[in-house]
């Protein structure tokens, strides 16, 4: 048999009262304040998660901005001229 001092006892948490619904099934009721506390806790967790995601997105955007763009390893894209553009260059003596 284990003896427990009165000082070591933890306060017992009150469980919500059980009430019968129309079907005779017992359901636990939650007070409005308890429900509001649960919602506030969920929102705080979600805000913390969103802050972490936002920080990662900001860091990624900063790396993209600082990193720049390079053409290494890419094949150059050839732009084909139309006949009228070629004729204009010939007339302007601007062939390269």
N, C-alpha and C. Protein backbone atom coordinates (compact mmCIF):
# COMPACT_ATOMS: atom_id res chain seq x y z
N UNK A 1 0.84 -1.17 0.00
CA UNK A 1 0.00 0.00 0.00
C UNK A 1 0.89 1.24 0.00
N UNK A 2 0.61 2.18 -0.90
CA UNK A 2 1.43 3.38 -1.04
C UNK A 2 0.72 4.54 -0.36
N UNK A 3 1.48 5.24 0.47
CA UNK A 3 0.92 6.39 1.17
C UNK A 3 1.28 7.65 0.39
N UNK A 4 0.33 8.54 0.27
CA UNK A 4 0.55 9.79 -0.45
C UNK A 4 0.20 10.94 0.48
N UNK A 5 1.13 11.89 0.59
CA UNK A 5 0.85 13.06 1.42
C UNK A 5 -0.20 13.93 0.75
N UNK A 6 -0.91 14.68 1.57
CA UNK A 6 -1.93 15.58 1.04
C UNK A 6 -1.29 16.67 0.17
N UNK A 7 -0.05 17.05 0.47
CA UNK A 7 0.64 18.10 -0.28
C UNK A 7 1.00 17.64 -1.69
N UNK A 8 1.26 16.36 -1.87
CA UNK A 8 1.70 15.84 -3.16
C UNK A 8 0.55 15.61 -4.14
N UNK A 9 -0.66 15.68 -3.66
CA UNK A 9 -1.79 15.42 -4.54
C UNK A 9 -1.96 16.57 -5.53
N UNK A 10 -2.22 16.20 -6.74
CA UNK A 10 -2.48 17.21 -7.76
C UNK A 10 -3.97 17.52 -7.73
N UNK A 11 -4.32 18.78 -8.02
CA UNK A 11 -5.75 19.08 -8.05
C UNK A 11 -6.42 18.30 -9.17
N UNK A 12 -7.55 17.75 -8.86
CA UNK A 12 -8.26 16.95 -9.85
C UNK A 12 -8.93 17.88 -10.85
N UNK A 13 -8.83 17.49 -12.11
CA UNK A 13 -9.47 18.28 -13.15
C UNK A 13 -10.95 17.90 -13.18
N UNK A 14 -11.75 18.92 -13.33
CA UNK A 14 -13.18 18.67 -13.41
C UNK A 14 -13.53 18.22 -14.81
N UNK A 15 -14.23 17.16 -14.91
CA UNK A 15 -14.67 16.69 -16.20
C UNK A 15 -16.03 17.31 -16.49
N UNK A 16 -16.28 17.59 -17.75
CA UNK A 16 -17.57 18.17 -18.08
C UNK A 16 -18.70 17.23 -17.68
N UNK A 17 -19.78 17.82 -17.28
CA UNK A 17 -20.93 17.02 -16.86
C UNK A 17 -21.50 16.27 -18.06
N UNK A 18 -22.02 15.10 -17.80
CA UNK A 18 -22.62 14.31 -18.87
C UNK A 18 -24.12 14.55 -18.84
N UNK A 19 -24.69 14.71 -20.02
CA UNK A 19 -26.13 14.88 -20.08
C UNK A 19 -26.68 13.99 -21.17
N UNK A 20 -27.91 13.63 -21.03
CA UNK A 20 -28.56 12.74 -21.99
C UNK A 20 -29.17 13.55 -23.12
N UNK A 21 -28.96 13.08 -24.35
CA UNK A 21 -29.64 13.72 -25.47
C UNK A 21 -30.92 12.95 -25.76
N UNK A 22 -31.59 13.28 -26.83
CA UNK A 22 -32.88 12.66 -27.14
C UNK A 22 -32.79 11.15 -27.34
N UNK A 23 -31.64 10.65 -27.79
CA UNK A 23 -31.49 9.22 -28.05
C UNK A 23 -31.07 8.44 -26.82
N UNK A 24 -30.90 9.10 -25.69
CA UNK A 24 -30.49 8.41 -24.48
C UNK A 24 -28.98 8.21 -24.41
N UNK A 25 -28.22 8.83 -25.31
CA UNK A 25 -26.77 8.71 -25.33
C UNK A 25 -26.20 9.86 -24.54
N UNK A 26 -25.25 9.56 -23.68
CA UNK A 26 -24.64 10.62 -22.88
C UNK A 26 -23.58 11.34 -23.70
N UNK A 27 -23.58 12.67 -23.57
CA UNK A 27 -22.58 13.49 -24.25
C UNK A 27 -21.96 14.43 -23.23
N UNK A 28 -20.69 14.71 -23.40
CA UNK A 28 -20.02 15.64 -22.51
C UNK A 28 -20.29 17.06 -23.01
N UNK A 29 -20.58 17.94 -22.10
CA UNK A 29 -20.80 19.33 -22.47
C UNK A 29 -19.55 20.12 -22.13
N UNK A 30 -19.28 21.09 -22.95
CA UNK A 30 -18.10 21.93 -22.76
C UNK A 30 -18.60 23.36 -22.59
N UNK A 31 -18.12 24.02 -21.57
CA UNK A 31 -18.58 25.38 -21.34
C UNK A 31 -18.07 26.29 -22.45
N UNK A 32 -18.70 27.43 -22.58
CA UNK A 32 -18.33 28.39 -23.63
C UNK A 32 -16.89 28.86 -23.45
N UNK A 33 -16.47 29.08 -22.22
CA UNK A 33 -15.11 29.55 -21.96
C UNK A 33 -14.08 28.48 -22.31
N UNK A 34 -14.36 27.23 -21.98
CA UNK A 34 -13.45 26.14 -22.33
C UNK A 34 -13.32 26.02 -23.84
N UNK A 35 -14.45 26.14 -24.52
CA UNK A 35 -14.45 26.07 -25.99
C UNK A 35 -13.64 27.22 -26.57
N UNK A 36 -13.80 28.42 -26.02
CA UNK A 36 -13.05 29.58 -26.50
C UNK A 36 -11.55 29.39 -26.25
N UNK A 37 -11.20 28.81 -25.13
CA UNK A 37 -9.79 28.53 -24.83
C UNK A 37 -9.20 27.54 -25.84
N UNK A 38 -9.97 26.51 -26.17
CA UNK A 38 -9.50 25.53 -27.15
C UNK A 38 -9.29 26.18 -28.51
N UNK A 39 -10.21 27.02 -28.90
CA UNK A 39 -10.10 27.71 -30.19
C UNK A 39 -8.89 28.62 -30.19
N UNK A 40 -8.68 29.35 -29.10
CA UNK A 40 -7.54 30.26 -29.00
C UNK A 40 -6.21 29.49 -29.08
N UNK A 41 -6.16 28.33 -28.42
CA UNK A 41 -4.94 27.51 -28.47
C UNK A 41 -4.67 27.02 -29.89
N UNK A 42 -5.72 26.57 -30.58
CA UNK A 42 -5.55 26.12 -31.97
C UNK A 42 -5.09 27.24 -32.86
N UNK A 43 -5.65 28.44 -32.67
CA UNK A 43 -5.26 29.58 -33.48
C UNK A 43 -3.80 29.96 -33.21
N UNK A 44 -3.38 29.89 -31.96
CA UNK A 44 -1.99 30.21 -31.62
C UNK A 44 -1.04 29.21 -32.28
N UNK A 45 -1.40 27.91 -32.26
CA UNK A 45 -0.55 26.91 -32.91
C UNK A 45 -0.50 27.16 -34.42
N UNK A 46 -1.64 27.47 -35.02
CA UNK A 46 -1.70 27.72 -36.46
C UNK A 46 -0.90 28.97 -36.82
N UNK A 47 -0.99 30.01 -36.01
CA UNK A 47 -0.21 31.22 -36.27
C UNK A 47 1.28 30.95 -36.21
N UNK A 48 1.70 30.14 -35.25
CA UNK A 48 3.11 29.79 -35.13
C UNK A 48 3.57 29.02 -36.36
N UNK A 49 2.74 28.09 -36.82
CA UNK A 49 3.07 27.30 -38.01
C UNK A 49 3.14 28.21 -39.24
N UNK A 50 2.21 29.13 -39.38
CA UNK A 50 2.20 30.03 -40.53
C UNK A 50 3.40 30.98 -40.51
N UNK A 51 3.81 31.42 -39.32
CA UNK A 51 4.99 32.28 -39.21
C UNK A 51 6.22 31.54 -39.72
N UNK A 52 6.36 30.28 -39.35
CA UNK A 52 7.51 29.49 -39.80
C UNK A 52 7.48 29.35 -41.32
N UNK A 53 6.32 29.09 -41.89
CA UNK A 53 6.20 28.96 -43.34
C UNK A 53 6.54 30.28 -44.01
N UNK A 54 6.05 31.40 -43.47
CA UNK A 54 6.32 32.71 -44.05
C UNK A 54 7.82 33.03 -44.01
N UNK A 55 8.48 32.69 -42.91
CA UNK A 55 9.92 32.91 -42.82
C UNK A 55 10.67 32.13 -43.88
N UNK A 56 10.27 30.87 -44.11
CA UNK A 56 10.93 30.07 -45.15
C UNK A 56 10.67 30.65 -46.53
N UNK A 57 9.46 31.12 -46.79
CA UNK A 57 9.15 31.72 -48.09
C UNK A 57 9.95 33.00 -48.31
N UNK A 58 10.08 33.82 -47.25
CA UNK A 58 10.85 35.05 -47.36
C UNK A 58 12.32 34.74 -47.63
N UNK A 59 12.85 33.73 -46.95
CA UNK A 59 14.26 33.36 -47.16
C UNK A 59 14.46 32.86 -48.59
N UNK A 60 13.52 32.09 -49.11
CA UNK A 60 13.61 31.59 -50.48
C UNK A 60 13.56 32.74 -51.47
N UNK A 61 12.65 33.69 -51.26
CA UNK A 61 12.55 34.85 -52.15
C UNK A 61 13.83 35.67 -52.12
N UNK A 62 14.44 35.82 -50.95
CA UNK A 62 15.68 36.57 -50.83
C UNK A 62 16.81 35.86 -51.57
N UNK A 63 16.88 34.53 -51.43
CA UNK A 63 17.92 33.78 -52.15
C UNK A 63 17.75 33.90 -53.65
N UNK A 64 16.50 33.87 -54.12
CA UNK A 64 16.26 34.01 -55.55
C UNK A 64 16.67 35.40 -56.03
N UNK A 65 16.37 36.43 -55.24
CA UNK A 65 16.70 37.80 -55.63
C UNK A 65 18.21 38.02 -55.65
N UNK A 66 18.91 37.50 -54.68
CA UNK A 66 20.36 37.68 -54.60
C UNK A 66 21.08 36.76 -55.57
N UNK A 67 20.54 35.60 -55.77
CA UNK A 67 21.20 34.59 -56.60
C UNK A 67 21.31 34.98 -58.06
N UNK A 68 20.36 35.70 -58.57
CA UNK A 68 20.40 36.08 -59.97
C UNK A 68 20.09 34.90 -60.88
N UNK A 69 20.25 35.14 -62.18
CA UNK A 69 19.95 34.12 -63.18
C UNK A 69 21.20 33.92 -64.03
N UNK A 70 21.49 32.71 -64.36
CA UNK A 70 22.63 32.42 -65.22
C UNK A 70 22.17 31.58 -66.39
N UNK A 71 22.88 31.73 -67.50
CA UNK A 71 22.53 30.97 -68.69
C UNK A 71 23.40 29.73 -68.84
N UNK A 72 24.20 29.41 -67.85
CA UNK A 72 25.10 28.28 -67.94
C UNK A 72 24.32 26.99 -68.13
N UNK A 73 24.76 26.19 -69.11
CA UNK A 73 24.14 24.91 -69.35
C UNK A 73 22.88 24.98 -70.18
N UNK A 74 22.51 26.16 -70.61
CA UNK A 74 21.30 26.30 -71.41
C UNK A 74 21.70 26.58 -72.86
N UNK A 75 20.93 26.05 -73.78
CA UNK A 75 21.20 26.32 -75.19
C UNK A 75 20.55 27.64 -75.58
N UNK A 76 21.26 28.46 -76.35
CA UNK A 76 20.69 29.74 -76.74
C UNK A 76 19.48 29.54 -77.64
N UNK A 77 18.52 30.42 -77.49
CA UNK A 77 17.30 30.34 -78.27
C UNK A 77 17.48 31.19 -79.52
N UNK A 78 17.28 30.58 -80.69
CA UNK A 78 17.40 31.31 -81.94
C UNK A 78 16.05 31.92 -82.28
N UNK A 79 16.10 33.20 -82.59
CA UNK A 79 14.87 33.88 -82.97
C UNK A 79 14.88 33.99 -84.49
N UNK A 80 13.86 33.46 -85.10
CA UNK A 80 13.77 33.51 -86.56
C UNK A 80 13.12 34.82 -86.98
N UNK A 81 13.73 35.40 -88.00
CA UNK A 81 13.20 36.67 -88.50
C UNK A 81 12.15 36.40 -89.57
N UNK A 82 11.20 37.28 -89.63
CA UNK A 82 10.22 37.17 -90.70
C UNK A 82 10.82 37.79 -91.96
N UNK A 83 10.22 37.52 -93.08
CA UNK A 83 10.74 38.05 -94.35
C UNK A 83 10.71 39.58 -94.36
N UNK A 84 9.69 40.16 -93.82
CA UNK A 84 9.61 41.63 -93.83
C UNK A 84 10.68 42.24 -92.93
N UNK A 85 10.99 41.62 -91.77
CA UNK A 85 12.06 42.14 -90.92
C UNK A 85 13.41 42.03 -91.62
N UNK A 86 13.65 40.93 -92.31
CA UNK A 86 14.91 40.74 -93.04
C UNK A 86 15.03 41.79 -94.15
N UNK A 87 13.93 42.06 -94.84
CA UNK A 87 13.96 43.05 -95.91
C UNK A 87 14.27 44.43 -95.36
N UNK A 88 13.72 44.76 -94.21
CA UNK A 88 13.99 46.07 -93.60
C UNK A 88 15.46 46.20 -93.24
N UNK A 89 16.07 45.12 -92.71
CA UNK A 89 17.49 45.16 -92.37
C UNK A 89 18.36 45.32 -93.61
N UNK A 90 17.99 44.63 -94.68
CA UNK A 90 18.76 44.73 -95.94
C UNK A 90 18.69 46.16 -96.46
N UNK A 91 17.51 46.76 -96.44
CA UNK A 91 17.32 48.11 -96.96
C UNK A 91 18.06 49.11 -96.10
N UNK A 92 18.20 48.85 -94.79
CA UNK A 92 18.89 49.77 -93.90
C UNK A 92 20.38 49.45 -93.84
N UNK A 93 20.82 48.43 -94.58
CA UNK A 93 22.21 47.99 -94.60
C UNK A 93 22.68 47.67 -93.17
N UNK A 94 21.85 46.91 -92.47
CA UNK A 94 22.12 46.58 -91.07
C UNK A 94 22.25 45.07 -90.89
N UNK A 95 22.94 44.41 -91.81
CA UNK A 95 23.13 42.96 -91.71
C UNK A 95 24.31 42.68 -90.79
N UNK A 96 24.17 41.71 -89.94
CA UNK A 96 25.25 41.32 -89.02
C UNK A 96 25.62 39.90 -89.24
